């Protein structure tokens, strides 16, 4: 194995590493975008109609009008 072969192999390994890092970053970016989209209020309204009932439920729980069990049961009913 000559020194030229060694440098070609090292360059190829480095290029592969750069591509791997780029792909990893791209996947992370896509996951971040999808997660932000799925958590958006607009999407929730599109998929499940108005989220007003869930907002009211959260407010009632925050005021102490509902127990944890009641909140969980009602939330499960609303979200599915």
Foldseek 3Di string as FASTA:
>chain_A
DDPVVVVVVVVVVVVVVVVVVVVVVVVVVVVVVVVVVVPDLVVCCVVQNHCVVVVVLVVCVVVVVDDPVRSVVVVVVRVD
